[in-house]
Amino acid sequence: LLSPEQRERTVFAVDDSEWRRWSNVDVGIYQRQGVSFREMS
């Protein structure tokens, strides 16, 4: 259901360092990858 542009920033290789890019802080402080519920249809 994702658009090509959404897939481009949502799908990574299985061994990508994206696994280790996460934080418990709020969205105003830390920029995240992928598709958010905010923008989903």
Full PDB file with SEQRES, HELIX, SHEET, SSBOND, CRYST1, ORIGX, SCALE, CONECT and MASTER records, all heavy atoms in Angstrom:
SEQRES   1 A   41  LEU LEU SER PRO GLU GLN ARG GLU ARG THR VAL PHE ALA          
SEQRES   2 A   41  VAL ASP ASP SER GLU TRP ARG ARG TRP SER ASN VAL ASP          
SEQRES   3 A   41  VAL GLY ILE TYR GLN ARG GLN GLY VAL SER PHE ARG GLU          
SEQRES   4 A   41  MET SER                                                      
HELIX    1 AA1 PRO A    4  THR A   10  1                                   7    
HELIX    2 AA2 SER A   17  ARG A   20  5                                   4    
CRYST1    1.000    1.000    1.000  90.00  90.00  90.00 P 1           1          
ORIGX1      1.000000  0.000000  0.000000        0.00000                         
ORIGX2      0.000000  1.000000  0.000000        0.00000                         
ORIGX3      0.000000  0.000000  1.000000        0.00000                         
SCALE1      1.000000  0.000000  0.000000        0.00000                         
SCALE2      0.000000  1.000000  0.000000        0.00000                         
SCALE3      0.000000  0.000000  1.000000        0.00000                         
ATOM      1  N   LEU A   1       0.805  -1.219   0.000  1.00  0.00           N  
ATOM      2  CA  LEU A   1       0.000   0.000   0.000  1.00  0.00           C  
ATOM      3  C   LEU A   1       0.837   1.268   0.000  1.00  0.00           C  
ATOM      4  O   LEU A   1       0.304   2.370  -0.149  1.00  0.00           O  
ATOM      5  CB  LEU A   1      -0.938   0.008   1.218  1.00  0.00           C  
ATOM      6  CG  LEU A   1      -2.047  -1.054   1.214  1.00  0.00           C  
ATOM      7  CD1 LEU A   1      -2.780  -1.047   2.541  1.00  0.00           C  
ATOM      8  CD2 LEU A   1      -3.011  -0.817   0.060  1.00  0.00           C  
ATOM      9  N   LEU A   2       2.154   1.137   0.177  1.00  0.00           N  
ATOM     10  CA  LEU A   2       3.012   2.310   0.206  1.00  0.00           C  
ATOM     11  C   LEU A   2       3.292   2.822  -1.203  1.00  0.00           C  
ATOM     12  O   LEU A   2       3.394   2.041  -2.151  1.00  0.00           O  
ATOM     13  CB  LEU A   2       4.340   1.987   0.890  1.00  0.00           C  
ATOM     14  CG  LEU A   2       4.298   1.548   2.352  1.00  0.00           C  
ATOM     15  CD1 LEU A   2       5.709   1.333   2.872  1.00  0.00           C  
ATOM     16  CD2 LEU A   2       3.560   2.566   3.220  1.00  0.00           C  
ATOM     17  N   SER A   3       3.429   4.126  -1.342  1.00  0.00           N  
ATOM     18  CA  SER A   3       3.817   4.715  -2.617  1.00  0.00           C  
ATOM     19  C   SER A   3       5.302   4.430  -2.856  1.00  0.00           C  
ATOM     20  O   SER A   3       6.042   4.091  -1.919  1.00  0.00           O  
ATOM     21  CB  SER A   3       3.587   6.222  -2.594  1.00  0.00           C  
ATOM     22  OG  SER A   3       4.520   6.840  -1.698  1.00  0.00           O  
ATOM     23  N   PRO A   4       5.777   4.554  -4.086  1.00  0.00           N  
ATOM     24  CA  PRO A   4       7.212   4.352  -4.349  1.00  0.00           C  
ATOM     25  C   PRO A   4       8.094   5.243  -3.482  1.00  0.00           C  
ATOM     26  O   PRO A   4       9.142   4.815  -2.988  1.00  0.00           O  
ATOM     27  CB  PRO A   4       7.347   4.699  -5.839  1.00  0.00           C  
ATOM     28  CG  PRO A   4       6.004   4.376  -6.410  1.00  0.00           C  
ATOM     29  CD  PRO A   4       5.020   4.752  -5.341  1.00  0.00           C  
ATOM     30  N   GLU A   5       7.681   6.498  -3.276  1.00  0.00           N  
ATOM     31  CA  GLU A   5       8.466   7.419  -2.457  1.00  0.00           C  
ATOM     32  C   GLU A   5       8.485   6.964  -0.993  1.00  0.00           C  
ATOM     33  O   GLU A   5       9.529   7.024  -0.322  1.00  0.00           O  
ATOM     34  CB  GLU A   5       7.882   8.829  -2.567  1.00  0.00           C  
ATOM     35  CG  GLU A   5       8.705   9.907  -1.873  1.00  0.00           C  
ATOM     36  CD  GLU A   5       8.384  10.064  -0.401  1.00  0.00           C  
ATOM     37  OE1 GLU A   5       7.227   9.742  -0.016  1.00  0.00           O  
ATOM     38  OE2 GLU A   5       9.274  10.471   0.360  1.00  0.00           O  
ATOM     39  N   GLN A   6       7.352   6.477  -0.491  1.00  0.00           N  
ATOM     40  CA  GLN A   6       7.304   5.981   0.885  1.00  0.00           C  
ATOM     41  C   GLN A   6       8.164   4.732   1.057  1.00  0.00           C  
ATOM     42  O   GLN A   6       8.867   4.579   2.058  1.00  0.00           O  
ATOM     43  CB  GLN A   6       5.850   5.679   1.278  1.00  0.00           C  
ATOM     44  CG  GLN A   6       5.002   6.914   1.511  1.00  0.00           C  
ATOM     45  CD  GLN A   6       3.544   6.572   1.754  1.00  0.00           C  
ATOM     46  OE1 GLN A   6       2.983   5.659   1.113  1.00  0.00           O  
ATOM     47  NE2 GLN A   6       2.914   7.277   2.670  1.00  0.00           N  
ATOM     48  N   ARG A   7       8.103   3.841   0.084  1.00  0.00           N  
ATOM     49  CA  ARG A   7       8.917   2.620   0.139  1.00  0.00           C  
ATOM     50  C   ARG A   7      10.416   2.963   0.156  1.00  0.00           C  
ATOM     51  O   ARG A   7      11.194   2.326   0.861  1.00  0.00           O  
ATOM     52  CB  ARG A   7       8.619   1.705  -1.046  1.00  0.00           C  
ATOM     53  CG  ARG A   7       7.298   0.970  -0.970  1.00  0.00           C  
ATOM     54  CD  ARG A   7       7.147   0.033  -2.168  1.00  0.00           C  
ATOM     55  NE  ARG A   7       8.152  -1.027  -2.143  1.00  0.00           N  
ATOM     56  CZ  ARG A   7       7.957  -2.231  -1.625  1.00  0.00           C  
ATOM     57  NH1 ARG A   7       6.797  -2.528  -1.074  1.00  0.00           N  
ATOM     58  NH2 ARG A   7       8.906  -3.139  -1.670  1.00  0.00           N  
ATOM     59  N   GLU A   8      10.779   3.979  -0.600  1.00  0.00           N  
ATOM     60  CA  GLU A   8      12.179   4.366  -0.706  1.00  0.00           C  
ATOM     61  C   GLU A   8      12.768   4.718   0.655  1.00  0.00           C  
ATOM     62  O   GLU A   8      13.919   4.403   0.962  1.00  0.00           O  
ATOM     63  CB  GLU A   8      12.316   5.561  -1.662  1.00  0.00           C  
ATOM     64  CG  GLU A   8      13.730   6.085  -1.826  1.00  0.00           C  
ATOM     65  CD  GLU A   8      14.637   5.123  -2.556  1.00  0.00           C  
ATOM     66  OE1 GLU A   8      14.127   4.254  -3.302  1.00  0.00           O  
ATOM     67  OE2 GLU A   8      15.875   5.239  -2.368  1.00  0.00           O  
ATOM     68  N   ARG A   9      11.975   5.359   1.521  1.00  0.00           N  
ATOM     69  CA  ARG A   9      12.493   5.758   2.832  1.00  0.00           C  
ATOM     70  C   ARG A   9      12.029   4.852   3.966  1.00  0.00           C  
ATOM     71  O   ARG A   9      12.294   5.134   5.128  1.00  0.00           O  
ATOM     72  CB  ARG A   9      12.104   7.211   3.128  1.00  0.00           C  
ATOM     73  CG  ARG A   9      10.619   7.509   3.049  1.00  0.00           C  
ATOM     74  CD  ARG A   9      10.397   9.022   3.177  1.00  0.00           C  
ATOM     75  NE  ARG A   9       9.073   9.415   2.758  1.00  0.00           N  
ATOM     76  CZ  ARG A   9       8.003   9.461   3.546  1.00  0.00           C  
ATOM     77  NH1 ARG A   9       8.115   9.110   4.823  1.00  0.00           N  
ATOM     78  NH2 ARG A   9       6.829   9.853   3.082  1.00  0.00           N  
ATOM     79  N   THR A  10      11.343   3.777   3.602  1.00  0.00           N  
ATOM     80  CA  THR A  10      10.831   2.861   4.628  1.00  0.00           C  
ATOM     81  C   THR A  10      11.521   1.507   4.612  1.00  0.00           C  
ATOM     82  O   THR A  10      11.683   0.875   5.661  1.00  0.00           O  
ATOM     83  CB  THR A  10       9.305   2.653   4.440  1.00  0.00           C  
ATOM     84  OG1 THR A  10       8.650   3.913   4.591  1.00  0.00           O  
ATOM     85  CG2 THR A  10       8.740   1.666   5.448  1.00  0.00           C  
ATOM     86  N   VAL A  11      11.959   1.038   3.458  1.00  0.00           N  
ATOM     87  CA  VAL A  11      12.530  -0.308   3.327  1.00  0.00           C  
ATOM     88  C   VAL A  11      14.060  -0.219   3.255  1.00  0.00           C  
ATOM     89  O   VAL A  11      14.611   0.500   2.424  1.00  0.00           O  
ATOM     90  CB  VAL A  11      11.980  -1.029   2.079  1.00  0.00           C  
ATOM     91  CG1 VAL A  11      12.588  -2.425   1.973  1.00  0.00           C  
ATOM     92  CG2 VAL A  11      10.450  -1.110   2.143  1.00  0.00           C  
ATOM     93  N   PHE A  12      14.721  -0.974   4.139  1.00  0.00           N  
ATOM     94  CA  PHE A  12      16.175  -1.004   4.223  1.00  0.00           C  
ATOM     95  C   PHE A  12      16.658  -2.442   4.079  1.00  0.00           C  
ATOM     96  O   PHE A  12      15.877  -3.389   4.197  1.00  0.00           O  
ATOM     97  CB  PHE A  12      16.651  -0.451   5.571  1.00  0.00           C  
ATOM     98  CG  PHE A  12      16.313   1.002   5.794  1.00  0.00           C  
ATOM     99  CD1 PHE A  12      15.039   1.379   6.204  1.00  0.00           C  
ATOM    100  CD2 PHE A  12      17.262   1.989   5.584  1.00  0.00           C  
ATOM    101  CE1 PHE A  12      14.717   2.707   6.407  1.00  0.00           C  
ATOM    102  CE2 PHE A  12      16.952   3.335   5.790  1.00  0.00           C  
ATOM    103  CZ  PHE A  12      15.681   3.691   6.197  1.00  0.00           C  
ATOM    104  N   ALA A  13      17.947  -2.603   3.860  1.00  0.00           N  
ATOM    105  CA  ALA A  13      18.532  -3.941   3.826  1.00  0.00           C  
ATOM    106  C   ALA A  13      18.435  -4.574   5.212  1.00  0.00           C  
ATOM    107  O   ALA A  13      18.394  -3.875   6.227  1.00  0.00           O  
ATOM    108  CB  ALA A  13      19.998  -3.871   3.383  1.00  0.00           C  
ATOM    109  N   VAL A  14      18.419  -5.888   5.260  1.00  0.00           N  
ATOM    110  CA  VAL A  14      18.223  -6.589   6.524  1.00  0.00           C  
ATOM    111  C   VAL A  14      19.371  -6.358   7.494  1.00  0.00           C  
ATOM    112  O   VAL A  14      19.193  -6.442   8.719  1.00  0.00           O  
ATOM    113  CB  VAL A  14      18.011  -8.103   6.282  1.00  0.00           C  
ATOM    114  CG1 VAL A  14      19.323  -8.777   5.832  1.00  0.00           C  
ATOM    115  CG2 VAL A  14      17.453  -8.776   7.524  1.00  0.00           C  
ATOM    116  N   ASP A  15      20.550  -6.027   6.977  1.00  0.00           N  
ATOM    117  CA  ASP A  15      21.703  -5.778   7.849  1.00  0.00           C  
ATOM    118  C   ASP A  15      22.045  -4.297   7.938  1.00  0.00           C  
ATOM    119  O   ASP A  15      23.141  -3.919   8.332  1.00  0.00           O  
ATOM    120  CB  ASP A  15      22.925  -6.562   7.368  1.00  0.00           C  
ATOM    121  CG  ASP A  15      23.317  -6.222   5.928  1.00  0.00           C  
ATOM    122  OD1 ASP A  15      22.551  -5.502   5.249  1.00  0.00           O  
ATOM    123  OD2 ASP A  15      24.387  -6.688   5.484  1.00  0.00           O  
ATOM    124  N   ASP A  16      21.093  -3.420   7.619  1.00  0.00           N  
ATOM    125  CA  ASP A  16      21.343  -1.985   7.618  1.00  0.00           C  
ATOM    126  C   ASP A  16      21.463  -1.452   9.049  1.00  0.00           C  
ATOM    127  O   ASP A  16      20.841  -1.975   9.987  1.00  0.00           O  
ATOM    128  CB  ASP A  16      20.194  -1.259   6.897  1.00  0.00           C  
ATOM    129  CG  ASP A  16      20.564   0.148   6.493  1.00  0.00           C  
ATOM    130  OD1 ASP A  16      20.428   1.064   7.334  1.00  0.00           O  
ATOM    131  OD2 ASP A  16      21.000   0.346   5.349  1.00  0.00           O  
ATOM    132  N   SER A  17      22.249  -0.398   9.204  1.00  0.00           N  
ATOM    133  CA  SER A  17      22.418   0.219  10.524  1.00  0.00           C  
ATOM    134  C   SER A  17      21.147   0.913  11.001  1.00  0.00           C  
ATOM    135  O   SER A  17      21.071   1.354  12.151  1.00  0.00           O  
ATOM    136  CB  SER A  17      23.565   1.232  10.495  1.00  0.00           C  
ATOM    137  OG  SER A  17      23.283   2.285   9.583  1.00  0.00           O  
ATOM    138  N   GLU A  18      20.120   1.000  10.140  1.00  0.00           N  
ATOM    139  CA  GLU A  18      18.841   1.570  10.554  1.00  0.00           C  
ATOM    140  C   GLU A  18      18.283   0.852  11.783  1.00  0.00           C  
ATOM    141  O   GLU A  18      17.583   1.455  12.598  1.00  0.00           O  
ATOM    142  CB  GLU A  18      17.840   1.497   9.402  1.00  0.00           C  
ATOM    143  CG  GLU A  18      16.409   1.909   9.756  1.00  0.00           C  
ATOM    144  CD  GLU A  18      16.289   3.341  10.249  1.00  0.00           C  
ATOM    145  OE1 GLU A  18      17.178   4.159   9.943  1.00  0.00           O  
ATOM    146  OE2 GLU A  18      15.304   3.641  10.937  1.00  0.00           O  
ATOM    147  N   TRP A  19      18.574  -0.427  11.936  1.00  0.00           N  
ATOM    148  CA  TRP A  19      18.166  -1.159  13.140  1.00  0.00           C  
ATOM    149  C   TRP A  19      18.550  -0.375  14.398  1.00  0.00           C  
ATOM    150  O   TRP A  19      17.781  -0.313  15.362  1.00  0.00           O  
ATOM    151  CB  TRP A  19      18.845  -2.523  13.192  1.00  0.00           C  
ATOM    152  CG  TRP A  19      18.259  -3.641  12.411  1.00  0.00           C  
ATOM    153  CD1 TRP A  19      18.841  -4.303  11.363  1.00  0.00           C  
ATOM    154  CD2 TRP A  19      16.997  -4.301  12.607  1.00  0.00           C  
ATOM    155  NE1 TRP A  19      18.030  -5.307  10.906  1.00  0.00           N  
ATOM    156  CE2 TRP A  19      16.886  -5.343  11.660  1.00  0.00           C  
ATOM    157  CE3 TRP A  19      15.950  -4.107  13.506  1.00  0.00           C  
ATOM    158  CZ2 TRP A  19      15.776  -6.183  11.576  1.00  0.00           C  
ATOM    159  CZ3 TRP A  19      14.830  -4.946  13.430  1.00  0.00           C  
ATOM    160  CH2 TRP A  19      14.754  -5.961  12.473  1.00  0.00           C  
ATOM    161  N   ARG A  20      19.750   0.179  14.396  1.00  0.00           N  
ATOM    162  CA  ARG A  20      20.320   0.791  15.594  1.00  0.00           C  
ATOM    163  C   ARG A  20      20.011   2.275  15.710  1.00  0.00           C  
ATOM    164  O   ARG A  20      20.465   2.937  16.640  1.00  0.00           O  
ATOM    165  CB  ARG A  20      21.835   0.551  15.612  1.00  0.00           C  
ATOM    166  CG  ARG A  20      22.192  -0.932  15.593  1.00  0.00           C  
ATOM    167  CD  ARG A  20      23.683  -1.157  15.388  1.00  0.00           C  
ATOM    168  NE  ARG A  20      24.463  -0.660  16.499  1.00  0.00           N  
ATOM    169  CZ  ARG A  20      25.785  -0.546  16.499  1.00  0.00           C  
ATOM    170  NH1 ARG A  20      26.473  -0.869  15.407  1.00  0.00           N  
ATOM    171  NH2 ARG A  20      26.419  -0.077  17.559  1.00  0.00           N  
ATOM    172  N   ARG A  21      19.239   2.804  14.762  1.00  0.00           N  
ATOM    173  CA  ARG A  21      18.860   4.218  14.794  1.00  0.00           C  
ATOM    174  C   ARG A  21      17.476   4.360  15.415  1.00  0.00           C  
ATOM    175  O   ARG A  21      16.457   4.311  14.723  1.00  0.00           O  
ATOM    176  CB  ARG A  21      18.863   4.801  13.374  1.00  0.00           C  
ATOM    177  CG  ARG A  21      20.222   4.807  12.698  1.00  0.00           C  
ATOM    178  CD  ARG A  21      20.105   5.345  11.274  1.00  0.00           C  
ATOM    179  NE  ARG A  21      21.361   5.257  10.558  1.00  0.00           N  
ATOM    180  CZ  ARG A  21      22.315   6.179  10.557  1.00  0.00           C  
ATOM    181  NH1 ARG A  21      22.124   7.290  11.252  1.00  0.00           N  
ATOM    182  NH2 ARG A  21      23.421   6.016   9.878  1.00  0.00           N  
ATOM    183  N   TRP A  22      17.439   4.530  16.715  1.00  0.00           N  
ATOM    184  CA  TRP A  22      16.171   4.723  17.405  1.00  0.00           C  
ATOM    185  C   TRP A  22      16.410   5.501  18.690  1.00  0.00           C  
ATOM    186  O   TRP A  22      17.530   5.547  19.207  1.00  0.00           O  
ATOM    187  CB  TRP A  22      15.484   3.390  17.711  1.00  0.00           C  
ATOM    188  CG  TRP A  22      16.291   2.428  18.555  1.00  0.00           C  
ATOM    189  CD1 TRP A  22      17.144   1.458  18.106  1.00  0.00           C  
ATOM    190  CD2 TRP A  22      16.332   2.355  19.985  1.00  0.00           C  
ATOM    191  NE1 TRP A  22      17.715   0.775  19.162  1.00  0.00           N  
ATOM    192  CE2 TRP A  22      17.233   1.311  20.334  1.00  0.00           C  
ATOM    193  CE3 TRP A  22      15.694   3.059  21.014  1.00  0.00           C  
ATOM    194  CZ2 TRP A  22      17.508   0.959  21.659  1.00  0.00           C  
ATOM    195  CZ3 TRP A  22      15.969   2.712  22.338  1.00  0.00           C  
ATOM    196  CH2 TRP A  22      16.858   1.672  22.655  1.00  0.00           C  
ATOM    197  N   SER A  23      15.355   6.099  19.198  1.00  0.00           N  
ATOM    198  CA  SER A  23      15.460   6.844  20.449  1.00  0.00           C  
ATOM    199  C   SER A  23      14.081   6.955  21.072  1.00  0.00           C  
ATOM    200  O   SER A  23      13.068   7.003  20.365  1.00  0.00           O  
ATOM    201  CB  SER A  23      16.033   8.237  20.201  1.00  0.00           C  
ATOM    202  OG  SER A  23      16.092   8.977  21.407  1.00  0.00           O  
ATOM    203  N   ASN A  24      14.039   7.046  22.394  1.00  0.00           N  
ATOM    204  CA  ASN A  24      12.765   7.185  23.091  1.00  0.00           C  
ATOM    205  C   ASN A  24      12.329   8.643  23.231  1.00  0.00           C  
ATOM    206  O   ASN A  24      11.260   8.917  23.775  1.00  0.00           O  
ATOM    207  CB  ASN A  24      12.839   6.565  24.483  1.00  0.00           C  
ATOM    208  CG  ASN A  24      13.915   7.210  25.348  1.00  0.00           C  
ATOM    209  OD1 ASN A  24      15.098   6.939  25.155  1.00  0.00           O  
ATOM    210  ND2 ASN A  24      13.530   8.073  26.283  1.00  0.00           N  
ATOM    211  N   VAL A  25      13.126   9.608  22.738  1.00  0.00           N  
ATOM    212  CA  VAL A  25      12.761  11.016  22.905  1.00  0.00           C  
ATOM    213  C   VAL A  25      11.712  11.425  21.884  1.00  0.00           C  
ATOM    214  O   VAL A  25      11.444  10.714  20.919  1.00  0.00           O  
ATOM    215  CB  VAL A  25      14.007  11.924  22.797  1.00  0.00           C  
ATOM    216  CG1 VAL A  25      15.008  11.598  23.888  1.00  0.00           C  
ATOM    217  CG2 VAL A  25      14.654  11.810  21.422  1.00  0.00           C  
ATOM    218  N   ASP A  26      11.133  12.616  22.091  1.00  0.00           N  
ATOM    219  CA  ASP A  26      10.003  13.026  21.258  1.00  0.00           C  
ATOM    220  C   ASP A  26      10.452  13.447  19.858  1.00  0.00           C  
ATOM    221  O   ASP A  26      11.632  13.694  19.599  1.00  0.00           O  
ATOM    222  CB  ASP A  26       9.208  14.148  21.937  1.00  0.00           C  
ATOM    223  CG  ASP A  26      10.003  15.435  22.080  1.00  0.00           C  
ATOM    224  OD1 ASP A  26      10.215  16.113  21.065  1.00  0.00           O  
ATOM    225  OD2 ASP A  26      10.397  15.768  23.224  1.00  0.00           O  
ATOM    226  N   VAL A  27       9.473  13.539  18.969  1.00  0.00           N  
ATOM    227  CA  VAL A  27       9.750  13.803  17.551  1.00  0.00           C  
ATOM    228  C   VAL A  27      10.289  15.209  17.316  1.00  0.00           C  
ATOM    229  O   VAL A  27      10.913  15.485  16.289  1.00  0.00           O  
ATOM    230  CB  VAL A  27       8.473  13.558  16.714  1.00  0.00           C  
ATOM    231  CG1 VAL A  27       7.453  14.671  16.946  1.00  0.00           C  
ATOM    232  CG2 VAL A  27       8.786  13.410  15.243  1.00  0.00           C  
ATOM    233  N   GLY A  28      10.091  16.108  18.267  1.00  0.00           N  
ATOM    234  CA  GLY A  28      10.620  17.446  18.132  1.00  0.00           C  
ATOM    235  C   GLY A  28      12.122  17.514  18.324  1.00  0.00           C  
ATOM    236  O   GLY A  28      12.761  18.505  17.958  1.00  0.00           O  
ATOM    237  N   ILE A  29      12.717  16.465  18.882  1.00  0.00           N  
ATOM    238  CA  ILE A  29      14.144  16.434  19.188  1.00  0.00           C  
ATOM    239  C   ILE A  29      14.912  15.518  18.255  1.00  0.00           C  
ATOM    240  O   ILE A  29      16.055  15.792  17.895  1.00  0.00           O  
ATOM    241  CB  ILE A  29      14.364  15.972  20.646  1.00  0.00           C  
ATOM    242  CG1 ILE A  29      13.679  16.938  21.618  1.00  0.00           C  
ATOM    243  CG2 ILE A  29      15.844  15.866  20.977  1.00  0.00           C  
ATOM    244  CD1 ILE A  29      13.745  16.487  23.060  1.00  0.00           C  
ATOM    245  N   TYR A  30      14.281  14.420  17.834  1.00  0.00           N  
ATOM    246  CA  TYR A  30      15.002  13.366  17.113  1.00  0.00           C  
ATOM    247  C   TYR A  30      14.295  13.057  15.802  1.00  0.00           C  
ATOM    248  O   TYR A  30      13.086  12.780  15.789  1.00  0.00           O  
ATOM    249  CB  TYR A  30      15.077  12.114  17.993  1.00  0.00           C  
ATOM    250  CG  TYR A  30      15.796  10.947  17.372  1.00  0.00           C  
ATOM    251  CD1 TYR A  30      17.192  10.930  17.295  1.00  0.00           C  
ATOM    252  CD2 TYR A  30      15.101   9.860  16.865  1.00  0.00           C  
ATOM    253  CE1 TYR A  30      17.863   9.856  16.726  1.00  0.00           C  
ATOM    254  CE2 TYR A  30      15.750   8.782  16.298  1.00  0.00           C  
ATOM    255  CZ  TYR A  30      17.133   8.783  16.232  1.00  0.00           C  
ATOM    256  OH  TYR A  30      17.791   7.714  15.664  1.00  0.00           O  
ATOM    257  N   GLN A  31      15.040  13.080  14.697  1.00  0.00           N  
ATOM    258  CA  GLN A  31      14.473  12.825  13.365  1.00  0.00           C  
ATOM    259  C   GLN A  31      14.517  11.335  13.056  1.00  0.00           C  
ATOM    260  O   GLN A  31      15.559  10.703  13.170  1.00  0.00           O  
ATOM    261  CB  GLN A  31      15.248  13.594  12.299  1.00  0.00           C  
ATOM    262  CG  GLN A  31      14.662  13.441  10.905  1.00  0.00           C  
ATOM    263  CD  GLN A  31      15.363  14.310   9.883  1.00  0.00           C  
ATOM    264  OE1 GLN A  31      16.228  15.104  10.222  1.00  0.00           O  
ATOM    265  NE2 GLN A  31      14.984  14.157   8.629  1.00  0.00           N  
ATOM    266  N   ARG A  32      13.386  10.800  12.630  1.00  0.00           N  
ATOM    267  CA  ARG A  32      13.272   9.366  12.370  1.00  0.00           C  
ATOM    268  C   ARG A  32      13.065   9.072  10.884  1.00  0.00           C  
ATOM    269  O   ARG A  32      12.660   9.935  10.122  1.00  0.00           O  
ATOM    270  CB  ARG A  32      12.117   8.786  13.190  1.00  0.00           C  
ATOM    271  CG  ARG A  32      12.390   8.840  14.696  1.00  0.00           C  
ATOM    272  CD  ARG A  32      11.158   8.517  15.511  1.00  0.00           C  
ATOM    273  NE  ARG A  32      11.509   8.262  16.905  1.00  0.00           N  
ATOM    274  CZ  ARG A  32      11.556   9.211  17.844  1.00  0.00           C  
ATOM    275  NH1 ARG A  32      11.289  10.467  17.525  1.00  0.00           N  
ATOM    276  NH2 ARG A  32      11.889   8.909  19.085  1.00  0.00           N  
ATOM    277  N   GLN A  33      13.330   7.819  10.523  1.00  0.00           N  
ATOM    278  CA  GLN A  33      13.136   7.351   9.152  1.00  0.00           C  
ATOM    279  C   GLN A  33      11.800   6.608   9.053  1.00  0.00           C  
ATOM    280  O   GLN A  33      11.163   6.316  10.043  1.00  0.00           O  
ATOM    281  CB  GLN A  33      14.280   6.414   8.749  1.00  0.00           C  
ATOM    282  CG  GLN A  33      15.667   7.007   8.936  1.00  0.00           C  
ATOM    283  CD  GLN A  33      15.881   8.271   8.149  1.00  0.00           C  
ATOM    284  OE1 GLN A  33      15.525   8.343   6.972  1.00  0.00           O  
ATOM    285  NE2 GLN A  33      16.451   9.286   8.779  1.00  0.00           N  
ATOM    286  N   GLY A  34      11.424   6.278   7.828  1.00  0.00           N  
ATOM    287  CA  GLY A  34      10.230   5.471   7.616  1.00  0.00           C  
ATOM    288  C   GLY A  34       8.989   6.297   7.376  1.00  0.00           C  
ATOM    289  O   GLY A  34       9.031   7.491   7.094  1.00  0.00           O  
ATOM    290  N   VAL A  35       7.849   5.638   7.502  1.00  0.00           N  
ATOM    291  CA  VAL A  35       6.553   6.276   7.288  1.00  0.00           C  
ATOM    292  C   VAL A  35       5.825   6.349   8.624  1.00  0.00           C  
ATOM    293  O   VAL A  35       5.768   5.369   9.372  1.00  0.00           O  
ATOM    294  CB  VAL A  35       5.717   5.496   6.232  1.00  0.00           C  
ATOM    295  CG1 VAL A  35       5.486   4.057   6.642  1.00  0.00           C  
ATOM    296  CG2 VAL A  35       4.395   6.200   5.961  1.00  0.00           C  
ATOM    297  N   SER A  36       5.288   7.516   8.949  1.00  0.00           N  
ATOM    298  CA  SER A  36       4.620   7.708  10.235  1.00  0.00           C  
ATOM    299  C   SER A  36       3.111   7.562  10.087  1.00  0.00           C  
ATOM    300  O   SER A  36       2.554   7.724   8.995  1.00  0.00           O  
ATOM    301  CB  SER A  36       4.943   9.085  10.806  1.00  0.00           C  
ATOM    302  OG  SER A  36       4.238  10.096  10.108  1.00  0.00           O  
ATOM    303  N   PHE A  37       2.465   7.296  11.208  1.00  0.00           N  
ATOM    304  CA  PHE A  37       1.007   7.224  11.203  1.00  0.00           C  
ATOM    305  C   PHE A  37       0.402   8.579  10.828  1.00  0.00           C  
ATOM    306  O   PHE A  37      -0.725   8.639  10.332  1.00  0.00           O  
ATOM    307  CB  PHE A  37       0.494   6.766  12.564  1.00  0.00           C  
ATOM    308  CG  PHE A  37       0.639   5.294  12.804  1.00  0.00           C  
ATOM    309  CD1 PHE A  37       1.823   4.777  13.319  1.00  0.00           C  
ATOM    310  CD2 PHE A  37      -0.386   4.422  12.503  1.00  0.00           C  
ATOM    311  CE1 PHE A  37       1.965   3.412  13.533  1.00  0.00           C  
ATOM    312  CE2 PHE A  37      -0.255   3.057  12.710  1.00  0.00           C  
ATOM    313  CZ  PHE A  37       0.935   2.554  13.221  1.00  0.00           C  
ATOM    314  N   ARG A  38       1.132   9.664  11.079  1.00  0.00           N  
ATOM    315  CA  ARG A  38       0.660  10.999  10.719  1.00  0.00           C  
ATOM    316  C   ARG A  38       0.327  11.104   9.234  1.00  0.00           C  
ATOM    317  O   ARG A  38      -0.643  11.744   8.841  1.00  0.00           O  
ATOM    318  CB  ARG A  38       1.746  12.033  11.032  1.00  0.00           C  
ATOM    319  CG  ARG A  38       1.746  12.627  12.416  1.00  0.00           C  
ATOM    320  CD  ARG A  38       2.897  13.618  12.543  1.00  0.00           C  
ATOM    321  NE  ARG A  38       2.861  14.336  13.811  1.00  0.00           N  
ATOM    322  CZ  ARG A  38       3.786  15.202  14.202  1.00  0.00           C  
ATOM    323  NH1 ARG A  38       4.820  15.445  13.404  1.00  0.00           N  
ATOM    324  NH2 ARG A  38       3.693  15.818  15.359  1.00  0.00           N  
ATOM    325  N   GLU A  39       1.178  10.509   8.404  1.00  0.00           N  
ATOM    326  CA  GLU A  39       1.050  10.693   6.957  1.00  0.00           C  
ATOM    327  C   GLU A  39       0.325   9.549   6.260  1.00  0.00           C  
ATOM    328  O   GLU A  39       0.060   9.610   5.068  1.00  0.00           O  
ATOM    329  CB  GLU A  39       2.438  10.852   6.326  1.00  0.00           C  
ATOM    330  CG  GLU A  39       3.302   9.615   6.421  1.00  0.00           C  
ATOM    331  CD  GLU A  39       4.623   9.752   5.676  1.00  0.00           C  
ATOM    332  OE1 GLU A  39       4.593   9.711   4.433  1.00  0.00           O  
ATOM    333  OE2 GLU A  39       5.645   9.922   6.340  1.00  0.00           O  
ATOM    334  N   MET A  40       0.014   8.484   6.978  1.00  0.00           N  
ATOM    335  CA  MET A  40      -0.620   7.332   6.342  1.00  0.00           C  
ATOM    336  C   MET A  40      -2.038   7.641   5.914  1.00  0.00           C  
ATOM    337  O   MET A  40      -2.760   8.382   6.584  1.00  0.00           O  
ATOM    338  CB  MET A  40      -0.637   6.133   7.301  1.00  0.00           C  
ATOM    339  CG  MET A  40       0.708   5.512   7.578  1.00  0.00           C  
ATOM    340  SD  MET A  40       0.524   4.077   8.691  1.00  0.00           S  
ATOM    341  CE  MET A  40       2.223   3.800   9.180  1.00  0.00           C  
ATOM    342  N   SER A  41      -2.438   7.042   4.804  1.00  0.00           N  
ATOM    343  CA  SER A  41      -3.833   7.096   4.379  1.00  0.00           C  
ATOM    344  C   SER A  41      -4.644   6.182   5.288  1.00  0.00           C  
ATOM    345  O   SER A  41      -4.083   5.346   6.014  1.00  0.00           O  
ATOM    346  CB  SER A  41      -3.947   6.613   2.934  1.00  0.00           C  
ATOM    347  OG  SER A  41      -3.652   5.214   2.859  1.00  0.00           O  
TER     348      SER A  41                                                      
MASTER        0    0    0    2    0    0    0    6  347    1    0    4          
END                                                                             
